[in-house]
C-alpha atoms as a PDB file:
ATOM      1  CA  MET A   1      17.668 -10.971   1.421  1.00  0.00           C
ATOM      2  CA  ASP A   2      13.955 -10.754   1.200  1.00  0.00           C
ATOM      3  CA  THR A   3      12.730 -10.551  -2.544  1.00  0.00           C
ATOM      4  CA  THR A   4      11.790  -6.682  -4.223  1.00  0.00           C
ATOM      5  CA  THR A   5       9.755  -5.934  -6.888  1.00  0.00           C
ATOM      6  CA  THR A   6      12.325  -5.233  -9.986  1.00  0.00           C
ATOM      7  CA  HIS A   7      12.007  -3.233 -13.423  1.00  0.00           C
ATOM      8  CA  ARG A   8      13.883  -4.024 -16.001  1.00  0.00           C
ATOM      9  CA  GLY A   9      12.998  -1.653 -18.792  1.00  0.00           C
ATOM     10  CA  ARG A  10       9.204  -1.509 -19.288  1.00  0.00           C
ATOM     11  CA  THR A  11       8.562  -4.913 -17.507  1.00  0.00           C
ATOM     12  CA  ALA A  12       7.742  -5.472 -13.629  1.00  0.00           C
ATOM     13  CA  GLY A  13       8.783  -9.004 -12.075  1.00  0.00           C
ATOM     14  CA  ARG A  14       9.948 -10.536  -8.783  1.00  0.00           C
ATOM     15  CA  ARG A  15      13.843 -10.952  -7.927  1.00  0.00           C
ATOM     16  CA  THR A  16      15.633 -12.068  -5.163  1.00  0.00           C
ATOM     17  CA  VAL A  17      18.938 -10.066  -5.459  1.00  0.00           C
ATOM     18  CA  GLY A  18      21.747 -12.005  -3.451  1.00  0.00           C
ATOM     19  CA  ILE A  19      25.588 -12.008  -4.303  1.00  0.00           C
ATOM     20  CA  ALA A  20      25.726 -15.645  -4.519  1.00  0.00           C
ATOM     21  CA  ALA A  21      22.654 -15.929  -6.508  1.00  0.00           C
ATOM     22  CA  THR A  22      24.334 -13.271  -8.740  1.00  0.00           C
ATOM     23  CA  VAL A  23      27.218 -15.756  -9.152  1.00  0.00           C
ATOM     24  CA  VAL A  24      24.826 -18.450 -10.388  1.00  0.00           C
ATOM     25  CA  ALA A  25      23.301 -16.506 -13.436  1.00  0.00           C
ATOM     26  CA  ALA A  26      26.777 -14.839 -14.069  1.00  0.00           C
ATOM     27  CA  ALA A  27      27.913 -18.220 -15.022  1.00  0.00           C
ATOM     28  CA  VAL A  28      25.091 -18.744 -17.829  1.00  0.00           C
ATOM     29  CA  ALA A  29      25.656 -15.406 -19.174  1.00  0.00           C
ATOM     30  CA  ALA A  30      29.273 -16.061 -19.390  1.00  0.00           C
ATOM     31  CA  VAL A  31      28.805 -17.902 -22.457  1.00  0.00           C
ATOM     32  CA  ALA A  32      28.693 -14.302 -24.175  1.00  0.00           C
ATOM     33  CA  LEU A  33      31.451 -11.757 -23.977  1.00  0.00           C
ATOM     34  CA  VAL A  34      30.327  -8.153 -23.885  1.00  0.00           C
ATOM     35  CA  GLY A  35      32.569  -5.328 -24.369  1.00  0.00           C
ATOM     36  CA  VAL A  36      32.645  -3.078 -21.380  1.00  0.00           C
ATOM     37  CA  ALA A  37      31.647   0.123 -22.151  1.00  0.00           C
ATOM     38  CA  PRO A  38      33.731   3.550 -21.193  1.00  0.00           C
ATOM     39  CA  ALA A  39      32.943   4.824 -17.454  1.00  0.00           C
ATOM     40  CA  GLN A  40      35.368   6.870 -15.263  1.00  0.00           C
ATOM     41  CA  ALA A  41      36.043   4.074 -13.634  1.00  0.00           C
ATOM     42  CA  SER A  42      38.845   1.254 -15.173  1.00  0.00           C
ATOM     43  CA  GLY A  43      37.066  -1.837 -14.230  1.00  0.00           C
ATOM     44  CA  LYS A  44      38.369  -4.646 -15.902  1.00  0.00           C
ATOM     45  CA  THR A  45      37.000  -7.296 -17.283  1.00  0.00           C
ATOM     46  CA  SER A  46      36.085  -9.782 -20.392  1.00  0.00           C
ATOM     47  CA  THR A  47      32.563 -10.343 -19.707  1.00  0.00           C
ATOM     48  CA  GLY A  48      30.769  -6.925 -18.781  1.00  0.00           C
ATOM     49  CA  GLY A  49      29.128  -5.869 -15.763  1.00  0.00           C
ATOM     50  CA  ASP A  50      25.661  -5.396 -14.671  1.00  0.00           C
ATOM     51  CA  TYR A  51      24.118  -3.828 -11.471  1.00  0.00           C
ATOM     52  CA  ALA A  52      21.405  -3.812  -9.763  1.00  0.00           C
ATOM     53  CA  VAL A  53      20.334  -1.907  -6.997  1.00  0.00           C
ATOM     54  CA  THR A  54      17.445  -1.811  -3.987  1.00  0.00           C
ATOM     55  CA  VAL A  55      16.027   1.611  -2.708  1.00  0.00           C
ATOM     56  CA  ASN A  56      13.667   1.714  -0.025  1.00  0.00           C
ATOM     57  CA  GLY A  57      12.755  -2.253  -1.041  1.00  0.00           C
ATOM     58  CA  THR A  58      12.426  -1.411  -4.504  1.00  0.00           C
ATOM     59  CA  THR A  59      14.990  -3.127  -6.632  1.00  0.00           C
ATOM     60  CA  THR A  60      15.592  -1.695 -10.303  1.00  0.00           C
ATOM     61  CA  ASN A  61      18.424  -2.970 -12.869  1.00  0.00           C
ATOM     62  CA  PRO A  62      17.961  -0.993 -16.460  1.00  0.00           C
ATOM     63  CA  ALA A  63      17.841  -2.141 -19.324  1.00  0.00           C
ATOM     64  CA  VAL A  64      20.780  -2.474 -21.414  1.00  0.00           C
ATOM     65  CA  GLY A  65      22.143   1.024 -22.512  1.00  0.00           C
ATOM     66  CA  LYS A  66      19.399   2.792 -20.652  1.00  0.00           C
ATOM     67  CA  ASP A  67      19.610   4.799 -17.306  1.00  0.00           C
ATOM     68  CA  PHE A  68      18.067   4.655 -13.997  1.00  0.00           C
ATOM     69  CA  LYS A  69      17.703   7.754 -12.701  1.00  0.00           C
ATOM     70  CA  LEU A  70      16.558   8.846  -8.990  1.00  0.00           C
ATOM     71  CA  ARG A  71      16.869  12.765  -7.338  1.00  0.00           C
ATOM     72  CA  ASP A  72      16.574  13.774  -4.025  1.00  0.00           C
ATOM     73  CA  THR A  73      15.193  11.186  -2.687  1.00  0.00           C
ATOM     74  CA  ALA A  74      14.740  10.280   1.636  1.00  0.00           C
ATOM     75  CA  VAL A  75      16.349   6.752   2.338  1.00  0.00           C
ATOM     76  CA  SER A  76      16.161   4.221   4.815  1.00  0.00           C
ATOM     77  CA  GLY A  77      18.126   1.153   5.843  1.00  0.00           C
ATOM     78  CA  THR A  78      20.495  -0.204   3.616  1.00  0.00           C
ATOM     79  CA  ILE A  79      20.565   0.567   0.113  1.00  0.00           C
ATOM     80  CA  ALA A  80      21.835  -2.701  -1.857  1.00  0.00           C
ATOM     81  CA  VAL A  81      24.263  -2.830  -4.968  1.00  0.00           C
ATOM     82  CA  ARG A  82      24.370  -6.356  -6.584  1.00  0.00           C
ATOM     83  CA  GLY A  83      26.433  -6.606 -10.087  1.00  0.00           C
ATOM     84  CA  LYS A  84      27.977  -9.821 -11.816  1.00  0.00           C
ATOM     85  CA  HIS A  85      30.963  -9.178 -10.488  1.00  0.00           C
ATOM     86  CA  ASN A  86      30.763  -7.174  -7.418  1.00  0.00           C
ATOM     87  CA  GLY A  87      28.398  -6.101  -4.556  1.00  0.00           C
ATOM     88  CA  PHE A  88      28.126  -3.964  -1.718  1.00  0.00           C
ATOM     89  CA  ASP A  89      25.298  -2.324   0.944  1.00  0.00           C
ATOM     90  CA  ILE A  90      25.238   1.217   1.721  1.00  0.00           C
ATOM     91  CA  ARG A  91      24.112   1.159   5.272  1.00  0.00           C
ATOM     92  CA  VAL A  92      22.255   4.765   5.255  1.00  0.00           C
ATOM     93  CA  ALA A  93      22.764   5.477   9.137  1.00  0.00           C
ATOM     94  CA  ASP A  94      26.228   5.972   8.722  1.00  0.00           C
ATOM     95  CA  LEU A  95      26.911   6.085   5.177  1.00  0.00           C
ATOM     96  CA  GLY A  96      29.409   3.160   5.324  1.00  0.00           C
ATOM     97  CA  VAL A  97      29.867   0.753   3.023  1.00  0.00           C
ATOM     98  CA  HIS A  98      29.933  -2.760   3.849  1.00  0.00           C
ATOM     99  CA  ASP A  99      30.426  -6.498   3.023  1.00  0.00           C
ATOM    100  CA  TYR A 100      31.893  -5.251  -0.361  1.00  0.00           C
ATOM    101  CA  THR A 101      31.960  -8.607  -2.269  1.00  0.00           C
ATOM    102  CA  LEU A 102      34.004  -9.930  -5.231  1.00  0.00           C
ATOM    103  CA  THR A 103      31.392 -12.859  -6.814  1.00  0.00           C
ATOM    104  CA  GLY A 104      33.939 -14.855  -8.409  1.00  0.00           C
ATOM    105  CA  ALA A 105      32.161 -14.928 -11.489  1.00  0.00           C
ATOM    106  CA  PRO A 106      33.672 -16.945 -14.949  1.00  0.00           C
ATOM    107  CA  ASP A 107      35.959 -14.087 -16.145  1.00  0.00           C
ATOM    108  CA  THR A 108      39.921 -14.047 -17.113  1.00  0.00           C
ATOM    109  CA  GLN A 109      39.687 -11.432 -14.879  1.00  0.00           C
ATOM    110  CA  ARG A 110      38.868 -12.443 -11.637  1.00  0.00           C
ATOM    111  CA  MET A 111      40.693 -13.049  -8.810  1.00  0.00           C
ATOM    112  CA  VAL A 112      38.376 -15.398  -6.754  1.00  0.00           C
ATOM    113  CA  THR A 113      36.195 -18.722  -7.930  1.00  0.00           C
ATOM    114  CA  LYS A 114      33.572 -18.162  -5.282  1.00  0.00           C
ATOM    115  CA  PRO A 115      31.714 -14.862  -3.256  1.00  0.00           C
ATOM    116  CA  THR A 116      34.570 -13.366  -1.453  1.00  0.00           C
ATOM    117  CA  VAL A 117      34.199 -10.247   1.219  1.00  0.00           C
ATOM    118  CA  VAL A 118      36.979  -8.188   0.711  1.00  0.00           C
ATOM    119  CA  PHE A 119      35.959  -5.429   3.224  1.00  0.00           C
ATOM    120  CA  ALA A 120      33.968  -6.049   5.734  1.00  0.00           C
ATOM    121  CA  SER A 121      33.205  -2.111   5.853  1.00  0.00           C
ATOM    122  CA  LYS A 122      34.582   1.224   4.875  1.00  0.00           C
ATOM    123  CA  VAL A 123      32.716   3.902   7.405  1.00  0.00           C
ATOM    124  CA  PRO A 124      33.576   7.689   7.428  1.00  0.00           C
ATOM    125  CA  THR A 125      33.186   8.639  11.126  1.00  0.00           C
ATOM    126  CA  LEU A 126      30.517  11.398  10.967  1.00  0.00           C
ATOM    127  CA  THR A 127      29.007  13.311  13.335  1.00  0.00           C
ATOM    128  CA  PRO A 128      25.144  13.120  13.929  1.00  0.00           C
ATOM    129  CA  ALA A 129      25.245  16.905  12.984  1.00  0.00           C
ATOM    130  CA  GLN A 130      26.690  15.742   9.817  1.00  0.00           C
ATOM    131  CA  LEU A 131      24.601  12.954   9.168  1.00  0.00           C
ATOM    132  CA  ALA A 132      20.964  14.774  10.005  1.00  0.00           C
ATOM    133  CA  GLY A 133      18.763  14.927   6.979  1.00  0.00           C
ATOM    134  CA  THR A 134      20.638  12.691   5.119  1.00  0.00           C
ATOM    135  CA  ARG A 135      19.276  11.929   1.583  1.00  0.00           C
ATOM    136  CA  LEU A 136      19.855  10.752  -1.889  1.00  0.00           C
ATOM    137  CA  SER A 137      20.552  13.467  -3.880  1.00  0.00           C
ATOM    138  CA  SER A 138      20.826  11.992  -6.934  1.00  0.00           C
ATOM    139  CA  LEU A 139      21.414   7.961  -8.234  1.00  0.00           C
ATOM    140  CA  GLU A 140      22.270   7.023 -11.633  1.00  0.00           C
ATOM    141  CA  VAL A 141      22.934   3.071 -12.445  1.00  0.00           C
ATOM    142  CA  ARG A 142      23.820   2.002 -16.216  1.00  0.00           C
ATOM    143  CA  ASP A 143      24.839  -0.881 -16.875  1.00  0.00           C
ATOM    144  CA  ASP A 144      28.432  -1.440 -14.928  1.00  0.00           C
ATOM    145  CA  THR A 145      28.490   2.078 -13.563  1.00  0.00           C
ATOM    146  CA  LEU A 146      26.604   3.156 -10.193  1.00  0.00           C
ATOM    147  CA  VAL A 147      27.347   7.090  -8.804  1.00  0.00           C
ATOM    148  CA  ALA A 148      25.274   7.558  -5.364  1.00  0.00           C
ATOM    149  CA  ILE A 149      25.696  11.362  -4.061  1.00  0.00           C
ATOM    150  CA  PHE A 150      24.030  11.576  -0.629  1.00  0.00           C
ATOM    151  CA  SER A 151      23.324  15.313   0.928  1.00  0.00           C
ATOM    152  CA  THR A 152      23.283  15.870   4.461  1.00  0.00           C
ATOM    153  CA  ALA A 153      22.930  18.989   6.681  1.00  0.00           C
ATOM    154  CA  ALA A 154      26.478  19.757   6.812  1.00  0.00           C
ATOM    155  CA  GLY A 155      27.697  18.133   3.718  1.00  0.00           C
ATOM    156  CA  LYS A 156      27.995  15.614   0.586  1.00  0.00           C
ATOM    157  CA  TYR A 157      28.759  12.257   0.166  1.00  0.00           C
ATOM    158  CA  LYS A 158      29.375  10.411  -3.140  1.00  0.00           C
ATOM    159  CA  ILE A 159      30.181   6.816  -3.977  1.00  0.00           C
ATOM    160  CA  GLN A 160      31.385   6.151  -7.590  1.00  0.00           C
ATOM    161  CA  ALA A 161      31.826   1.558  -8.185  1.00  0.00           C
ATOM    162  CA  LYS A 162      32.332   0.105 -11.526  1.00  0.00           C
ATOM    163  CA  ASP A 163      30.899  -3.584 -11.736  1.00  0.00           C
ATOM    164  CA  GLY A 164      34.298  -5.164 -12.718  1.00  0.00           C
ATOM    165  CA  ALA A 165      36.392  -8.254 -11.980  1.00  0.00           C
ATOM    166  CA  GLN A 166      39.935  -5.667 -10.782  1.00  0.00           C
ATOM    167  CA  GLY A 167      41.159  -2.447 -11.664  1.00  0.00           C
ATOM    168  CA  GLY A 168      40.137   0.831 -10.370  1.00  0.00           C
ATOM    169  CA  ILE A 169      36.381   0.296  -9.677  1.00  0.00           C
ATOM    170  CA  PHE A 170      35.256   1.714  -5.983  1.00  0.00           C
ATOM    171  CA  GLN A 171      35.569   5.363  -4.896  1.00  0.00           C
ATOM    172  CA  MET A 172      34.293   7.424  -1.720  1.00  0.00           C
ATOM    173  CA  GLU A 173      34.803  11.394  -1.870  1.00  0.00           C
ATOM    174  CA  THR A 174      33.684  13.521   1.160  1.00  0.00           C
ATOM    175  CA  GLU A 175      32.730  17.188   0.718  1.00  0.00           C
ATOM    176  CA  PHE A 176      32.167  18.466   4.127  1.00  0.00           C
ATOM    177  CA  ALA A 177      33.792  21.631   6.137  1.00  0.00           C
ATOM    178  CA  GLY A 178      36.381  19.604   7.771  1.00  0.00           C
ATOM    179  CA  PRO A 179      38.185  16.286   7.433  1.00  0.00           C
ATOM    180  CA  VAL A 180      36.722  12.960   8.153  1.00  0.00           C
ATOM    181  CA  GLU A 181      38.302  10.168   9.029  1.00  0.00           C
ATOM    182  CA  PHE A 182      37.704   6.445   7.462  1.00  0.00           C
ATOM    183  CA  THR A 183      38.119   3.156   8.890  1.00  0.00           C
ATOM    184  CA  HIS A 184      38.546   0.261   6.353  1.00  0.00           C
ATOM    185  CA  THR A 185      37.917  -3.098   7.842  1.00  0.00           C
ATOM    186  CA  LEU A 186      38.993  -6.046   5.661  1.00  0.00           C
ATOM    187  CA  GLY A 187      36.787  -9.671   4.735  1.00  0.00           C
ATOM    188  CA  ALA A 188      37.720 -12.928   6.750  1.00  0.00           C
ATOM    189  CA  GLY A 189      40.910 -14.410   5.467  1.00  0.00           C
ATOM    190  CA  LEU A 190      42.253 -10.969   3.963  1.00  0.00           C
ATOM    191  CA  PHE A 191      45.196  -9.427   5.496  1.00  0.00           C
ATOM    192  CA  TYR A 192      47.233  -6.493   4.264  1.00  0.00           C
ATOM    193  CA  PHE A 193      50.881  -7.171   4.015  1.00  0.00           C
ATOM    194  CA  VAL A 194      54.138  -4.945   2.455  1.00  0.00           C
ATOM    195  CA  ASN A 195      54.733  -5.922  -1.289  1.00  0.00           C
ATOM    196  CA  PRO A 196      58.157  -7.092  -1.515  1.00  0.00           C
ATOM    197  CA  TYR A 197      58.723  -6.532  -5.293  1.00  0.00           C
ATOM    198  CA  THR A 198      57.000  -2.458  -4.625  1.00  0.00           C
ATOM    199  CA  GLY A 199      57.479  -1.726  -1.142  1.00  0.00           C
ATOM    200  CA  LYS A 200      53.938  -0.482  -0.989  1.00  0.00           C
ATOM    201  CA  VAL A 201      51.137  -2.207   1.423  1.00  0.00           C
ATOM    202  CA  ASN A 202      49.014  -4.090  -0.567  1.00  0.00           C
ATOM    203  CA  PHE A 203      45.884  -6.987   0.232  1.00  0.00           C
ATOM    204  CA  GLY A 204      44.971 -10.067  -0.320  1.00  0.00           C
ATOM    205  CA  ASP A 205      44.688 -13.603   0.836  1.00  0.00           C
ATOM    206  CA  GLY A 206      47.177 -15.053  -0.214  1.00  0.00           C
ATOM    207  CA  ILE A 207      46.647 -17.511  -2.182  1.00  0.00           C
ATOM    208  CA  ALA A 208      48.488 -17.917  -5.578  1.00  0.00           C
ATOM    209  CA  ALA A 209      46.514 -17.553  -9.062  1.00  0.00           C
ATOM    210  CA  VAL A 210      45.888 -20.663 -11.166  1.00  0.00           C
ATOM    211  CA  ALA A 211      46.676 -20.340 -14.772  1.00  0.00           C
ATOM    212  CA  SER A 212      44.296 -22.862 -16.017  1.00  0.00           C
ATOM    213  CA  GLY A 213      41.331 -25.091 -15.795  1.00  0.00           C
ATOM    214  CA  SER A 214      37.655 -24.601 -14.535  1.00  0.00           C
ATOM    215  CA  GLY A 215      39.289 -22.945 -11.337  1.00  0.00           C
ATOM    216  CA  ALA A 216      41.765 -20.350 -12.860  1.00  0.00           C
ATOM    217  CA  HIS A 217      42.107 -17.038 -11.530  1.00  0.00           C
ATOM    218  CA  GLN A 218      44.635 -14.172 -10.765  1.00  0.00           C
ATOM    219  CA  MET A 219      46.025 -13.909  -7.330  1.00  0.00           C
ATOM    220  CA  LEU A 220      43.578 -11.457  -4.517  1.00  0.00           C
ATOM    221  CA  LEU A 221      45.506  -8.050  -4.585  1.00  0.00           C
ATOM    222  CA  GLY A 222      44.718  -4.831  -3.709  1.00  0.00           C
ATOM    223  CA  LYS A 223      45.452  -1.187  -2.547  1.00  0.00           C
ATOM    224  CA  ASP A 224      44.265   1.362  -0.927  1.00  0.00           C
ATOM    225  CA  SER A 225      44.107   4.496  -3.282  1.00  0.00           C
ATOM    226  CA  PRO A 226      44.262   7.830  -0.926  1.00  0.00           C
ATOM    227  CA  GLN A 227      43.950  11.001  -2.437  1.00  0.00           C
ATOM    228  CA  VAL A 228      44.576  14.152  -0.136  1.00  0.00           C
ATOM    229  CA  ALA A 229      44.214  11.831   2.669  1.00  0.00           C
ATOM    230  CA  THR A 230      46.861  10.866   5.284  1.00  0.00           C
ATOM    231  CA  LYS A 231      47.237   7.101   6.888  1.00  0.00           C
ATOM    232  CA  THR A 232      47.041   7.213  10.985  1.00  0.00           C
ATOM    233  CA  SER A 233      47.233   3.813  12.099  1.00  0.00           C
ATOM    234  CA  GLN A 234      47.779   0.533   9.912  1.00  0.00           C
ATOM    235  CA  THR A 235      47.477  -3.126  11.546  1.00  0.00           C
ATOM    236  CA  ALA A 236      46.798  -6.838   9.434  1.00  0.00           C
ATOM    237  CA  THR A 237      43.606  -6.387   8.603  1.00  0.00           C
ATOM    238  CA  THR A 238      42.454  -2.475   9.079  1.00  0.00           C
ATOM    239  CA  THR A 239      43.154   1.191   8.651  1.00  0.00           C
ATOM    240  CA  THR A 240      42.548   4.619   9.248  1.00  0.00           C
ATOM    241  CA  TRP A 241      42.639   7.439   6.953  1.00  0.00           C
ATOM    242  CA  THR A 242      42.434  11.040   7.508  1.00  0.00           C
ATOM    243  CA  VAL A 243      40.520  12.649   4.353  1.00  0.00           C
ATOM    244  CA  GLN A 244      40.955  16.239   3.768  1.00  0.00           C
ATOM    245  CA  PRO A 245      37.852  18.107   1.990  1.00  0.00           C
ATOM    246  CA  GLY A 246      37.914  17.734  -1.396  1.00  0.00           C
ATOM    247  CA  GLY A 247      39.873  14.654  -0.847  1.00  0.00           C
ATOM    248  CA  ARG A 248      38.421  10.740  -1.534  1.00  0.00           C
ATOM    249  CA  MET A 249      39.581   7.492  -0.561  1.00  0.00           C
ATOM    250  CA  GLY A 250      39.344   4.456  -3.577  1.00  0.00           C
ATOM    251  CA  GLY A 251      40.224   1.159  -4.177  1.00  0.00           C
ATOM    252  CA  VAL A 252      42.349  -0.675  -6.925  1.00  0.00           C
ATOM    253  CA  LEU A 253      42.544  -4.127  -7.515  1.00  0.00           C
ATOM    254  CA  GLY A 254      44.386  -6.388  -9.823  1.00  0.00           C
ATOM    255  CA  GLU A 255      47.369  -5.325 -11.594  1.00  0.00           C
ATOM    256  CA  ASP A 256      46.201  -1.502 -10.763  1.00  0.00           C
ATOM    257  CA  ALA A 257      47.257  -2.080  -7.461  1.00  0.00           C
ATOM    258  CA  VAL A 258      50.616  -3.578  -8.082  1.00  0.00           C
ATOM    259  CA  GLU A 259      51.707  -1.311 -10.670  1.00  0.00           C
ATOM    260  CA  LEU A 260      54.961   0.466 -10.518  1.00  0.00           C
ATOM    261  CA  SER A 261      53.571   3.660 -10.340  1.00  0.00           C
ATOM    262  CA  ALA A 262      54.063   6.897  -8.168  1.00  0.00           C
ATOM    263  CA  GLY A 263      50.849   6.996  -6.469  1.00  0.00           C
ATOM    264  CA  ALA A 264      47.729  10.025  -7.189  1.00  0.00           C
ATOM    265  CA  THR A 265      48.186  13.520  -6.901  1.00  0.00           C
ATOM    266  CA  ASN A 266      47.133  15.805  -4.726  1.00  0.00           C
ATOM    267  CA  CYS A 267      43.773  16.888  -6.987  1.00  0.00           C
ATOM    268  CA  THR A 268      40.835  17.717  -5.598  1.00  0.00           C
ATOM    269  CA  SER A 269      38.449  18.007  -8.333  1.00  0.00           C
ATOM    270  CA  ASP A 270      37.621  15.611 -11.442  1.00  0.00           C
ATOM    271  CA  CYS A 271      40.531  13.862 -10.169  1.00  0.00           C
ATOM    272  CA  GLN A 272      39.187  10.301 -11.142  1.00  0.00           C
ATOM    273  CA  ALA A 273      40.232  10.477 -15.040  1.00  0.00           C
ATOM    274  CA  GLN A 274      43.697  12.002 -14.343  1.00  0.00           C
ATOM    275  CA  ASN A 275      44.896   9.740 -11.828  1.00  0.00           C
ATOM    276  CA  GLN A 276      44.163   6.410 -14.012  1.00  0.00           C
ATOM    277  CA  ILE A 277      47.049   4.412 -14.722  1.00  0.00           C
ATOM    278  CA  ARG A 278      45.203   1.874 -17.204  1.00  0.00           C
ATOM    279  CA  GLY A 279      47.432  -0.685 -17.274  1.00  0.00           C
ATOM    280  CA  SER A 280      50.501   1.641 -18.807  1.00  0.00           C
ATOM    281  CA  LEU A 281      53.088   0.868 -16.125  1.00  0.00           C
ATOM    282  CA  PRO A 282      55.240  -1.918 -15.145  1.00  0.00           C
ATOM    283  CA  VAL A 283      53.765  -5.224 -13.063  1.00  0.00           C
ATOM    284  CA  PRO A 284      56.117  -6.435 -10.706  1.00  0.00           C
ATOM    285  CA  PRO A 285      55.551 -10.793 -10.302  1.00  0.00           C
ATOM    286  CA  ASP A 286      52.835 -11.679  -7.854  1.00  0.00           C
ATOM    287  CA  PRO A 287      54.089 -12.103  -4.152  1.00  0.00           C
ATOM    288  CA  VAL A 288      55.323 -15.311  -2.845  1.00  0.00           C
ATOM    289  CA  ASP A 289      53.626 -16.706   0.788  1.00  0.00           C
ATOM    290  CA  PRO A 290      52.897 -12.705   1.908  1.00  0.00           C
ATOM    291  CA  THR A 291      53.208 -12.568   5.774  1.00  0.00           C
ATOM    292  CA  PRO A 292      50.490  -9.876   7.055  1.00  0.00           C
ATOM    293  CA  ILE A 293      51.606  -6.314   8.499  1.00  0.00           C
ATOM    294  CA  ALA A 294      52.572  -5.860  11.822  1.00  0.00           C
ATOM    295  CA  SER A 295      50.743  -2.745  13.857  1.00  0.00           C
ATOM    296  CA  ARG A 296      52.176   0.073  13.237  1.00  0.00           C
END
């Protein structure tokens, strides 16, 4: 990614924003443990997170405890979101999220030890009429949280993210007159499988956890987290979902993805807090040698 102008508090400088570079910086920063401030999304880390965002070529990383806000901004190309623990791109042309990546930064909750693309893409199927006049209605970045709302001629589209190593750290919501189809495509080496302990569909890379040492990590486990949405197809590497107006597609990683829960409710307003489990339910053992799911 090109070097861009950076603002942190009142200081301007130059910085290259890349997920791999983030890992190096995180390794240095990880020696000091920083608490994670409460937020709507439950990102589990021991070292805290820190998002920087690039909009129209300018990168901003607000000072600790400070907000960065944009309102009613014309945007083009890609909005790059880079954190200590995860990062992704939002492509304005289709409002899809691309290359959602876990960095593998040192953390007791990490599930990988190097940058790993979990989702190659999460893309809504929107018509040219629905995408017409796309603008960044609002953007808010504070420490380890990001909320972006896009407005178009036909509705609104919201992305929430938290810079955590695992937990409920990502979701997309639609506010259009009719249902919207989402297609999720996993990154290379990941696959969907049926968890033998829960009977539910998870995704991961099948690599067992490492308990100690410099390469310690938990097993990479995740799940799609729908609300007011119906799965319409499933393969080993992709899923498609039809999301009703007011519904959402979330992403859950780690223990929250395998807890023995009943699933989300059909709430369509202010649902995130109502449906958080926050580690209160039993967690089954890690699956052993999971098998990619057959297409269905």
